[in-house]
Amino acid sequence: MAGEIRVVVADRRRSVAEVLALGLRQVGMVGSAVTGMKAACRAAGDDRADVVVADIGLLASPGLAVAVSPWPGRLAVPLIVLSDGTRTDDLACAAIRSGVRGWVSKDSSMQHLLAVIRGVQRGETWIPPPLLTRVLAELVTMRDGMEEDTGRLANLTAREREVLGCLSAGMSRSEIGRRLFLSTNTVRTHVQNLMIKLDVHSSVAAVALAHRASMPNSLPVPENDAGPETRSATRCGRPPYDEGAARVEESVTPEAAGEPCGEGSGTCRLP
């Protein structure tokens, strides 16, 4: 029906997500269940969701460090996470930094969850009062850091921004070379140069800096649309030499890496 909010519930266990999705349908929303964050992203990307509700364990990276996998801003679908109440303030701050728009305890009532869903769908951010002071202080610190990071990114050349955009998209150096029609050595030189300009010691740190500055979606990732002569040279195994690549005096050899999402389970108490 028109006006109904489509809510996708994500959990490691499909049966748990189905329970909450059923509860949402019983109170007039369009609730559906998926398993894992990849399925939630697909639902959001396919315009099958107005709001996504997920267990915080699906986003929290495993290990001692407090880290949350970023929620893609390009989806334009707000994300609410469900917490079991034992998580720290640091995790809440990491979640907000990563694009989470609502933080709800699993002990909350269904009416509270409905209020948060409607709120984030209107463009609001919902944070529990006990966490608000810490999160606001974190956001102020983030703003100052973003200004510094943005200034560093402005020093990159157009080609270096293209390479960083490709790194942010998860491409390896060989994949970047094929996309930009550059040799692997030339790509490595661009990566080394941009790392020096950004004052970081790895390509992973460079990508993280771009995320902190809210830049990944604005960094160019060129399409593979070069002319026939360039494509022919690449097919023959001779990527065109990029004479514009500057050389560096110091050698830095970062390794690119990815961080898989963690997994968890749980749902809100139904009325």
C-alpha atoms as a PDB file:
ATOM      1  CA  MET A   1       0.000   0.000   0.000  1.00  0.00           C
ATOM      2  CA  ALA A   2       1.059   3.569  -0.555  1.00  0.00           C
ATOM      3  CA  GLY A   3       2.646   5.142   2.497  1.00  0.00           C
ATOM      4  CA  GLU A   4       3.789   1.871   4.065  1.00  0.00           C
ATOM      5  CA  ILE A   5       7.466   1.732   5.057  1.00  0.00           C
ATOM      6  CA  ARG A   6       9.375  -1.210   3.613  1.00  0.00           C
ATOM      7  CA  VAL A   7      11.734  -2.571   6.270  1.00  0.00           C
ATOM      8  CA  VAL A   8      14.361  -5.210   5.528  1.00  0.00           C
ATOM      9  CA  VAL A   9      15.542  -7.076   8.638  1.00  0.00           C
ATOM     10  CA  ALA A  10      19.018  -8.627   8.446  1.00  0.00           C
ATOM     11  CA  ASP A  11      20.432 -11.223  10.784  1.00  0.00           C
ATOM     12  CA  ARG A  12      22.894 -14.091  10.621  1.00  0.00           C
ATOM     13  CA  ARG A  13      20.018 -16.477  11.271  1.00  0.00           C
ATOM     14  CA  ARG A  14      17.099 -16.169   8.877  1.00  0.00           C
ATOM     15  CA  SER A  15      14.632 -17.475  11.462  1.00  0.00           C
ATOM     16  CA  VAL A  16      15.516 -14.647  13.877  1.00  0.00           C
ATOM     17  CA  ALA A  17      15.077 -12.024  11.150  1.00  0.00           C
ATOM     18  CA  GLU A  18      11.714 -13.584  10.195  1.00  0.00           C
ATOM     19  CA  VAL A  19      10.382 -13.132  13.752  1.00  0.00           C
ATOM     20  CA  LEU A  20      11.020  -9.380  13.738  1.00  0.00           C
ATOM     21  CA  ALA A  21       9.822  -9.017  10.133  1.00  0.00           C
ATOM     22  CA  LEU A  22       6.552 -10.703  11.146  1.00  0.00           C
ATOM     23  CA  GLY A  23       6.186  -8.336  14.089  1.00  0.00           C
ATOM     24  CA  LEU A  24       6.669  -5.349  11.780  1.00  0.00           C
ATOM     25  CA  ARG A  25       4.022  -6.653   9.387  1.00  0.00           C
ATOM     26  CA  GLN A  26       1.600  -7.063  12.279  1.00  0.00           C
ATOM     27  CA  VAL A  27       1.885  -3.340  13.075  1.00  0.00           C
ATOM     28  CA  GLY A  28       1.322  -2.184   9.502  1.00  0.00           C
ATOM     29  CA  MET A  29       4.799  -2.095   7.959  1.00  0.00           C
ATOM     30  CA  VAL A  30       6.109  -4.117   5.035  1.00  0.00           C
ATOM     31  CA  GLY A  31       8.664  -6.345   6.750  1.00  0.00           C
ATOM     32  CA  SER A  32      10.948  -8.833   5.003  1.00  0.00           C
ATOM     33  CA  ALA A  33      13.882 -10.918   6.240  1.00  0.00           C
ATOM     34  CA  VAL A  34      17.325 -11.544   4.738  1.00  0.00           C
ATOM     35  CA  THR A  35      20.443 -13.373   5.875  1.00  0.00           C
ATOM     36  CA  GLY A  36      23.551 -11.181   6.233  1.00  0.00           C
ATOM     37  CA  MET A  37      24.544  -7.676   5.187  1.00  0.00           C
ATOM     38  CA  LYS A  38      25.279  -8.526   1.545  1.00  0.00           C
ATOM     39  CA  ALA A  39      21.648  -9.502   1.073  1.00  0.00           C
ATOM     40  CA  ALA A  40      20.565  -6.320   2.875  1.00  0.00           C
ATOM     41  CA  CYS A  41      22.743  -4.222   0.561  1.00  0.00           C
ATOM     42  CA  ARG A  42      21.249  -5.941  -2.474  1.00  0.00           C
ATOM     43  CA  ALA A  43      17.724  -5.267  -1.227  1.00  0.00           C
ATOM     44  CA  ALA A  44      18.558  -1.598  -0.644  1.00  0.00           C
ATOM     45  CA  GLY A  45      20.299  -1.302  -4.002  1.00  0.00           C
ATOM     46  CA  ASP A  46      17.348  -2.900  -5.810  1.00  0.00           C
ATOM     47  CA  ASP A  47      14.935  -0.356  -4.285  1.00  0.00           C
ATOM     48  CA  ARG A  48      13.210  -3.011  -2.162  1.00  0.00           C
ATOM     49  CA  ALA A  49      13.777  -1.228   1.159  1.00  0.00           C
ATOM     50  CA  ASP A  50      13.084   2.155   2.726  1.00  0.00           C
ATOM     51  CA  VAL A  51      14.911   1.227   5.956  1.00  0.00           C
ATOM     52  CA  VAL A  52      17.273  -1.602   6.895  1.00  0.00           C
ATOM     53  CA  VAL A  53      17.370  -3.000  10.446  1.00  0.00           C
ATOM     54  CA  ALA A  54      20.388  -5.204  11.238  1.00  0.00           C
ATOM     55  CA  ASP A  55      22.041  -6.846  14.203  1.00  0.00           C
ATOM     56  CA  ILE A  56      25.175  -4.888  15.182  1.00  0.00           C
ATOM     57  CA  GLY A  57      27.145  -8.142  15.034  1.00  0.00           C
ATOM     58  CA  LEU A  58      26.737  -8.173  11.251  1.00  0.00           C
ATOM     59  CA  LEU A  59      28.723  -4.939  11.000  1.00  0.00           C
ATOM     60  CA  ALA A  60      31.199  -5.175  13.867  1.00  0.00           C
ATOM     61  CA  SER A  61      34.555  -6.534  12.723  1.00  0.00           C
ATOM     62  CA  PRO A  62      35.914  -9.433  14.794  1.00  0.00           C
ATOM     63  CA  GLY A  63      38.950  -8.912  17.014  1.00  0.00           C
ATOM     64  CA  LEU A  64      39.994  -6.583  19.801  1.00  0.00           C
ATOM     65  CA  ALA A  65      39.856  -3.355  17.776  1.00  0.00           C
ATOM     66  CA  VAL A  66      36.529  -1.532  17.697  1.00  0.00           C
ATOM     67  CA  ALA A  67      35.597  -1.289  14.021  1.00  0.00           C
ATOM     68  CA  VAL A  68      32.375  -1.286  12.039  1.00  0.00           C
ATOM     69  CA  SER A  69      32.087  -1.994   8.331  1.00  0.00           C
ATOM     70  CA  PRO A  70      30.844   1.116   6.489  1.00  0.00           C
ATOM     71  CA  TRP A  71      27.257   1.253   5.234  1.00  0.00           C
ATOM     72  CA  PRO A  72      27.364   2.508   1.591  1.00  0.00           C
ATOM     73  CA  GLY A  73      26.000   6.046   1.442  1.00  0.00           C
ATOM     74  CA  ARG A  74      25.210   5.601  -2.259  1.00  0.00           C
ATOM     75  CA  LEU A  75      22.304   3.324  -1.276  1.00  0.00           C
ATOM     76  CA  ALA A  76      20.432   6.291   0.255  1.00  0.00           C
ATOM     77  CA  VAL A  77      18.663   3.862   2.619  1.00  0.00           C
ATOM     78  CA  PRO A  78      19.046   4.511   6.371  1.00  0.00           C
ATOM     79  CA  LEU A  79      20.433   1.731   8.568  1.00  0.00           C
ATOM     80  CA  ILE A  80      19.326   0.962  12.132  1.00  0.00           C
ATOM     81  CA  VAL A  81      21.354  -1.447  14.273  1.00  0.00           C
ATOM     82  CA  LEU A  82      20.106  -3.582  17.131  1.00  0.00           C
ATOM     83  CA  SER A  83      22.430  -3.822  20.134  1.00  0.00           C
ATOM     84  CA  ASP A  84      22.357  -6.455  22.856  1.00  0.00           C
ATOM     85  CA  GLY A  85      23.159  -3.825  25.499  1.00  0.00           C
ATOM     86  CA  THR A  86      26.636  -5.138  26.294  1.00  0.00           C
ATOM     87  CA  ARG A  87      28.381  -3.175  23.552  1.00  0.00           C
ATOM     88  CA  THR A  88      30.639  -0.264  24.456  1.00  0.00           C
ATOM     89  CA  ASP A  89      30.316   3.439  23.723  1.00  0.00           C
ATOM     90  CA  ASP A  90      33.266   3.033  21.357  1.00  0.00           C
ATOM     91  CA  LEU A  91      31.243   0.671  19.185  1.00  0.00           C
ATOM     92  CA  ALA A  92      28.315   3.089  19.061  1.00  0.00           C
ATOM     93  CA  CYS A  93      30.677   5.859  17.937  1.00  0.00           C
ATOM     94  CA  ALA A  94      32.209   3.576  15.310  1.00  0.00           C
ATOM     95  CA  ALA A  95      28.730   2.686  14.062  1.00  0.00           C
ATOM     96  CA  ILE A  96      27.685   6.328  13.672  1.00  0.00           C
ATOM     97  CA  ARG A  97      30.960   7.080  11.864  1.00  0.00           C
ATOM     98  CA  SER A  98      30.222   4.203   9.485  1.00  0.00           C
ATOM     99  CA  GLY A  99      26.836   5.554   8.456  1.00  0.00           C
ATOM    100  CA  VAL A 100      24.420   4.024  10.994  1.00  0.00           C
ATOM    101  CA  ARG A 101      21.407   6.301  11.532  1.00  0.00           C
ATOM    102  CA  GLY A 102      19.737   4.581  14.461  1.00  0.00           C
ATOM    103  CA  TRP A 103      20.886   2.635  17.532  1.00  0.00           C
ATOM    104  CA  VAL A 104      18.237   0.520  19.295  1.00  0.00           C
ATOM    105  CA  SER A 105      18.613  -1.898  22.193  1.00  0.00           C
ATOM    106  CA  LYS A 106      17.108  -5.337  21.709  1.00  0.00           C
ATOM    107  CA  ASP A 107      15.302  -4.811  25.025  1.00  0.00           C
ATOM    108  CA  SER A 108      13.363  -1.895  23.537  1.00  0.00           C
ATOM    109  CA  SER A 109       9.657  -2.160  22.870  1.00  0.00           C
ATOM    110  CA  MET A 110       8.263  -2.546  19.376  1.00  0.00           C
ATOM    111  CA  GLN A 111       6.714   0.923  19.687  1.00  0.00           C
ATOM    112  CA  HIS A 112      10.160   2.447  20.270  1.00  0.00           C
ATOM    113  CA  LEU A 113      11.587   0.610  17.260  1.00  0.00           C
ATOM    114  CA  LEU A 114       8.685   1.868  15.138  1.00  0.00           C
ATOM    115  CA  ALA A 115       9.403   5.444  16.252  1.00  0.00           C
ATOM    116  CA  VAL A 116      13.067   5.068  15.293  1.00  0.00           C
ATOM    117  CA  ILE A 117      12.168   3.533  11.907  1.00  0.00           C
ATOM    118  CA  ARG A 118       9.807   6.415  11.117  1.00  0.00           C
ATOM    119  CA  GLY A 119      12.368   8.928  12.362  1.00  0.00           C
ATOM    120  CA  VAL A 120      15.299   7.744  10.248  1.00  0.00           C
ATOM    121  CA  GLN A 121      12.992   7.433   7.252  1.00  0.00           C
ATOM    122  CA  ARG A 122      12.287  11.172   7.686  1.00  0.00           C
ATOM    123  CA  GLY A 123      16.024  11.867   7.726  1.00  0.00           C
ATOM    124  CA  GLU A 124      16.617  11.911  11.504  1.00  0.00           C
ATOM    125  CA  THR A 125      19.374  10.197  13.503  1.00  0.00           C
ATOM    126  CA  TRP A 126      18.355   8.347  16.671  1.00  0.00           C
ATOM    127  CA  ILE A 127      20.946   7.825  19.425  1.00  0.00           C
ATOM    128  CA  PRO A 128      20.066   6.744  23.007  1.00  0.00           C
ATOM    129  CA  PRO A 129      20.633   9.590  25.540  1.00  0.00           C
ATOM    130  CA  PRO A 130      23.289   7.646  27.534  1.00  0.00           C
ATOM    131  CA  LEU A 131      25.423   7.495  24.369  1.00  0.00           C
ATOM    132  CA  LEU A 132      24.677  10.961  23.051  1.00  0.00           C
ATOM    133  CA  THR A 133      27.384  12.931  24.899  1.00  0.00           C
ATOM    134  CA  ARG A 134      30.123  10.556  23.797  1.00  0.00           C
ATOM    135  CA  VAL A 135      28.893  10.432  20.201  1.00  0.00           C
ATOM    136  CA  LEU A 136      28.637  14.234  19.930  1.00  0.00           C
ATOM    137  CA  ALA A 137      32.190  14.622  21.236  1.00  0.00           C
ATOM    138  CA  GLU A 138      33.327  12.031  18.692  1.00  0.00           C
ATOM    139  CA  LEU A 139      31.564  13.871  15.871  1.00  0.00           C
ATOM    140  CA  VAL A 140      33.300  17.142  16.770  1.00  0.00           C
ATOM    141  CA  THR A 141      36.648  15.350  16.669  1.00  0.00           C
ATOM    142  CA  MET A 142      35.673  13.756  13.363  1.00  0.00           C
ATOM    143  CA  ARG A 143      34.846  17.152  11.860  1.00  0.00           C
ATOM    144  CA  ASP A 144      38.260  18.532  12.734  1.00  0.00           C
ATOM    145  CA  GLY A 145      39.959  15.436  11.357  1.00  0.00           C
ATOM    146  CA  MET A 146      37.889  15.521   8.173  1.00  0.00           C
ATOM    147  CA  GLU A 147      38.993  19.071   7.444  1.00  0.00           C
ATOM    148  CA  GLU A 148      42.633  18.005   7.752  1.00  0.00           C
ATOM    149  CA  ASP A 149      42.073  14.884   5.636  1.00  0.00           C
ATOM    150  CA  THR A 150      40.223  16.878   2.966  1.00  0.00           C
ATOM    151  CA  GLY A 151      43.167  19.271   2.752  1.00  0.00           C
ATOM    152  CA  ARG A 152      45.537  16.366   2.151  1.00  0.00           C
ATOM    153  CA  LEU A 153      43.299  14.864  -0.528  1.00  0.00           C
ATOM    154  CA  ALA A 154      43.251  18.212  -2.334  1.00  0.00           C
ATOM    155  CA  ASN A 155      47.008  17.843  -2.920  1.00  0.00           C
ATOM    156  CA  LEU A 156      46.555  14.743  -5.068  1.00  0.00           C
ATOM    157  CA  THR A 157      46.811  14.927  -8.845  1.00  0.00           C
ATOM    158  CA  ALA A 158      43.874  13.858 -11.009  1.00  0.00           C
ATOM    159  CA  ARG A 159      45.604  10.545 -11.771  1.00  0.00           C
ATOM    160  CA  GLU A 160      46.359   9.892  -8.102  1.00  0.00           C
ATOM    161  CA  ARG A 161      42.702  10.526  -7.260  1.00  0.00           C
ATOM    162  CA  GLU A 162      41.710   7.995  -9.926  1.00  0.00           C
ATOM    163  CA  VAL A 163      44.070   5.417  -8.424  1.00  0.00           C
ATOM    164  CA  LEU A 164      42.757   6.116  -4.905  1.00  0.00           C
ATOM    165  CA  GLY A 165      39.206   5.799  -6.200  1.00  0.00           C
ATOM    166  CA  CYS A 166      40.056   2.393  -7.634  1.00  0.00           C
ATOM    167  CA  LEU A 167      41.683   1.335  -4.346  1.00  0.00           C
ATOM    168  CA  SER A 168      38.546   2.437  -2.498  1.00  0.00           C
ATOM    169  CA  ALA A 169      36.513   0.278  -4.891  1.00  0.00           C
ATOM    170  CA  GLY A 170      38.574  -2.740  -3.789  1.00  0.00           C
ATOM    171  CA  MET A 171      40.705  -3.156  -6.913  1.00  0.00           C
ATOM    172  CA  SER A 172      44.166  -4.708  -6.830  1.00  0.00           C
ATOM    173  CA  ARG A 173      47.127  -2.989  -8.461  1.00  0.00           C
ATOM    174  CA  SER A 174      46.897  -5.233 -11.521  1.00  0.00           C
ATOM    175  CA  GLU A 175      43.171  -4.493 -11.839  1.00  0.00           C
ATOM    176  CA  ILE A 176      43.858  -0.765 -11.554  1.00  0.00           C
ATOM    177  CA  GLY A 177      46.493  -1.083 -14.268  1.00  0.00           C
ATOM    178  CA  ARG A 178      44.016  -2.749 -16.602  1.00  0.00           C
ATOM    179  CA  ARG A 179      41.312  -0.197 -15.818  1.00  0.00           C
ATOM    180  CA  LEU A 180      43.581   2.813 -16.331  1.00  0.00           C
ATOM    181  CA  PHE A 181      45.778   1.203 -19.020  1.00  0.00           C
ATOM    182  CA  LEU A 182      48.928   1.601 -16.946  1.00  0.00           C
ATOM    183  CA  SER A 183      51.739  -0.780 -16.108  1.00  0.00           C
ATOM    184  CA  THR A 184      51.712  -2.314 -12.638  1.00  0.00           C
ATOM    185  CA  ASN A 185      54.953  -0.464 -11.823  1.00  0.00           C
ATOM    186  CA  THR A 186      53.355   2.850 -12.781  1.00  0.00           C
ATOM    187  CA  VAL A 187      50.327   2.076 -10.582  1.00  0.00           C
ATOM    188  CA  ARG A 188      52.684   1.242  -7.723  1.00  0.00           C
ATOM    189  CA  THR A 189      54.452   4.572  -8.220  1.00  0.00           C
ATOM    190  CA  HIS A 190      51.144   6.466  -8.087  1.00  0.00           C
ATOM    191  CA  VAL A 191      50.187   4.593  -4.902  1.00  0.00           C
ATOM    192  CA  GLN A 192      53.549   5.437  -3.320  1.00  0.00           C
ATOM    193  CA  ASN A 193      53.187   9.100  -4.265  1.00  0.00           C
ATOM    194  CA  LEU A 194      49.658   9.463  -2.924  1.00  0.00           C
ATOM    195  CA  MET A 195      50.670   7.735   0.316  1.00  0.00           C
ATOM    196  CA  ILE A 196      53.476  10.264   0.807  1.00  0.00           C
ATOM    197  CA  LYS A 197      51.106  13.183   0.118  1.00  0.00           C
ATOM    198  CA  LEU A 198      48.484  11.788   2.503  1.00  0.00           C
ATOM    199  CA  ASP A 199      51.154  11.023   5.140  1.00  0.00           C
ATOM    200  CA  VAL A 200      50.068   7.395   5.576  1.00  0.00           C
ATOM    201  CA  HIS A 201      52.082   4.180   5.584  1.00  0.00           C
ATOM    202  CA  SER A 202      49.790   1.818   3.690  1.00  0.00           C
ATOM    203  CA  SER A 203      47.199   1.847   0.944  1.00  0.00           C
ATOM    204  CA  VAL A 204      44.649   0.596   3.480  1.00  0.00           C
ATOM    205  CA  ALA A 205      45.285   3.729   5.563  1.00  0.00           C
ATOM    206  CA  ALA A 206      44.884   5.868   2.434  1.00  0.00           C
ATOM    207  CA  VAL A 207      41.479   4.315   1.737  1.00  0.00           C
ATOM    208  CA  ALA A 208      40.478   4.782   5.391  1.00  0.00           C
ATOM    209  CA  LEU A 209      41.454   8.461   5.164  1.00  0.00           C
ATOM    210  CA  ALA A 210      39.271   8.867   2.080  1.00  0.00           C
ATOM    211  CA  HIS A 211      36.361   7.272   3.962  1.00  0.00           C
ATOM    212  CA  ARG A 212      36.877   9.575   6.954  1.00  0.00           C
ATOM    213  CA  ALA A 213      36.752  12.568   4.642  1.00  0.00           C
ATOM    214  CA  SER A 214      33.519  11.218   3.081  1.00  0.00           C
ATOM    215  CA  MET A 215      35.310  11.082  -0.236  1.00  0.00           C
ATOM    216  CA  PRO A 216      34.991   7.500  -1.602  1.00  0.00           C
ATOM    217  CA  ASN A 217      31.791   8.210  -3.533  1.00  0.00           C
ATOM    218  CA  SER A 218      33.297  11.354  -5.100  1.00  0.00           C
ATOM    219  CA  LEU A 219      36.623   9.786  -6.076  1.00  0.00           C
ATOM    220  CA  PRO A 220      36.642   8.930  -9.786  1.00  0.00           C
ATOM    221  CA  VAL A 221      36.656   5.278 -10.841  1.00  0.00           C
ATOM    222  CA  PRO A 222      37.215   5.553 -14.621  1.00  0.00           C
ATOM    223  CA  GLU A 223      35.272   3.373 -16.997  1.00  0.00           C
ATOM    224  CA  ASN A 224      37.229   1.074 -19.278  1.00  0.00           C
ATOM    225  CA  ASP A 225      36.372   3.062 -22.396  1.00  0.00           C
ATOM    226  CA  ALA A 226      39.707   3.782 -24.050  1.00  0.00           C
ATOM    227  CA  GLY A 227      40.044   3.827 -27.815  1.00  0.00           C
ATOM    228  CA  PRO A 228      40.745   0.810 -30.063  1.00  0.00           C
ATOM    229  CA  GLU A 229      44.498   1.432 -30.268  1.00  0.00           C
ATOM    230  CA  THR A 230      44.880   1.515 -26.485  1.00  0.00           C
ATOM    231  CA  ARG A 231      42.736  -1.577 -26.027  1.00  0.00           C
ATOM    232  CA  SER A 232      44.753  -3.393 -28.666  1.00  0.00           C
ATOM    233  CA  ALA A 233      48.018  -2.566 -26.930  1.00  0.00           C
ATOM    234  CA  THR A 234      46.631  -3.844 -23.641  1.00  0.00           C
ATOM    235  CA  ARG A 235      45.414  -7.093 -25.194  1.00  0.00           C
ATOM    236  CA  CYS A 236      48.927  -7.653 -26.518  1.00  0.00           C
ATOM    237  CA  GLY A 237      50.262  -7.386 -22.982  1.00  0.00           C
ATOM    238  CA  ARG A 238      51.870  -3.956 -23.451  1.00  0.00           C
ATOM    239  CA  PRO A 239      50.005  -1.403 -21.273  1.00  0.00           C
ATOM    240  CA  PRO A 240      50.793   2.117 -22.499  1.00  0.00           C
ATOM    241  CA  TYR A 241      53.552   3.752 -20.502  1.00  0.00           C
ATOM    242  CA  ASP A 242      52.363   6.665 -18.390  1.00  0.00           C
ATOM    243  CA  GLU A 243      55.035   9.326 -18.794  1.00  0.00           C
ATOM    244  CA  GLY A 244      53.245  11.632 -16.379  1.00  0.00           C
ATOM    245  CA  ALA A 245      53.867   9.418 -13.361  1.00  0.00           C
ATOM    246  CA  ALA A 246      56.289  11.043 -10.956  1.00  0.00           C
ATOM    247  CA  ARG A 247      59.045   8.992  -9.359  1.00  0.00           C
ATOM    248  CA  VAL A 248      59.632   8.860  -5.641  1.00  0.00           C
ATOM    249  CA  GLU A 249      62.946   8.766  -3.833  1.00  0.00           C
ATOM    250  CA  GLU A 250      61.786   6.492  -1.027  1.00  0.00           C
ATOM    251  CA  SER A 251      60.268   3.079  -1.548  1.00  0.00           C
ATOM    252  CA  VAL A 252      57.057   2.228   0.296  1.00  0.00           C
ATOM    253  CA  THR A 253      55.463  -1.140  -0.237  1.00  0.00           C
ATOM    254  CA  PRO A 254      51.961  -1.237   1.264  1.00  0.00           C
ATOM    255  CA  GLU A 255      49.714  -4.228   1.001  1.00  0.00           C
ATOM    256  CA  ALA A 256      46.036  -3.781   0.257  1.00  0.00           C
ATOM    257  CA  ALA A 257      43.648  -5.695   2.453  1.00  0.00           C
ATOM    258  CA  GLY A 258      39.921  -5.994   3.099  1.00  0.00           C
ATOM    259  CA  GLU A 259      37.996  -6.431   6.333  1.00  0.00           C
ATOM    260  CA  PRO A 260      35.041  -8.790   6.256  1.00  0.00           C
ATOM    261  CA  CYS A 261      31.924  -7.946   8.187  1.00  0.00           C
ATOM    262  CA  GLY A 262      31.409  -9.717  11.452  1.00  0.00           C
ATOM    263  CA  GLU A 263      28.262 -11.645  12.147  1.00  0.00           C
ATOM    264  CA  GLY A 264      25.795 -11.798  14.967  1.00  0.00           C
ATOM    265  CA  SER A 265      22.176 -12.429  15.739  1.00  0.00           C
ATOM    266  CA  GLY A 266      19.248 -11.219  17.771  1.00  0.00           C
ATOM    267  CA  THR A 267      16.104  -9.140  17.531  1.00  0.00           C
ATOM    268  CA  CYS A 268      13.916  -6.695  19.403  1.00  0.00           C
ATOM    269  CA  ARG A 269      11.380  -7.884  21.949  1.00  0.00           C
ATOM    270  CA  LEU A 270       7.966  -8.081  20.346  1.00  0.00           C
ATOM    271  CA  PRO A 271       4.989  -6.635  22.192  1.00  0.00           C
END
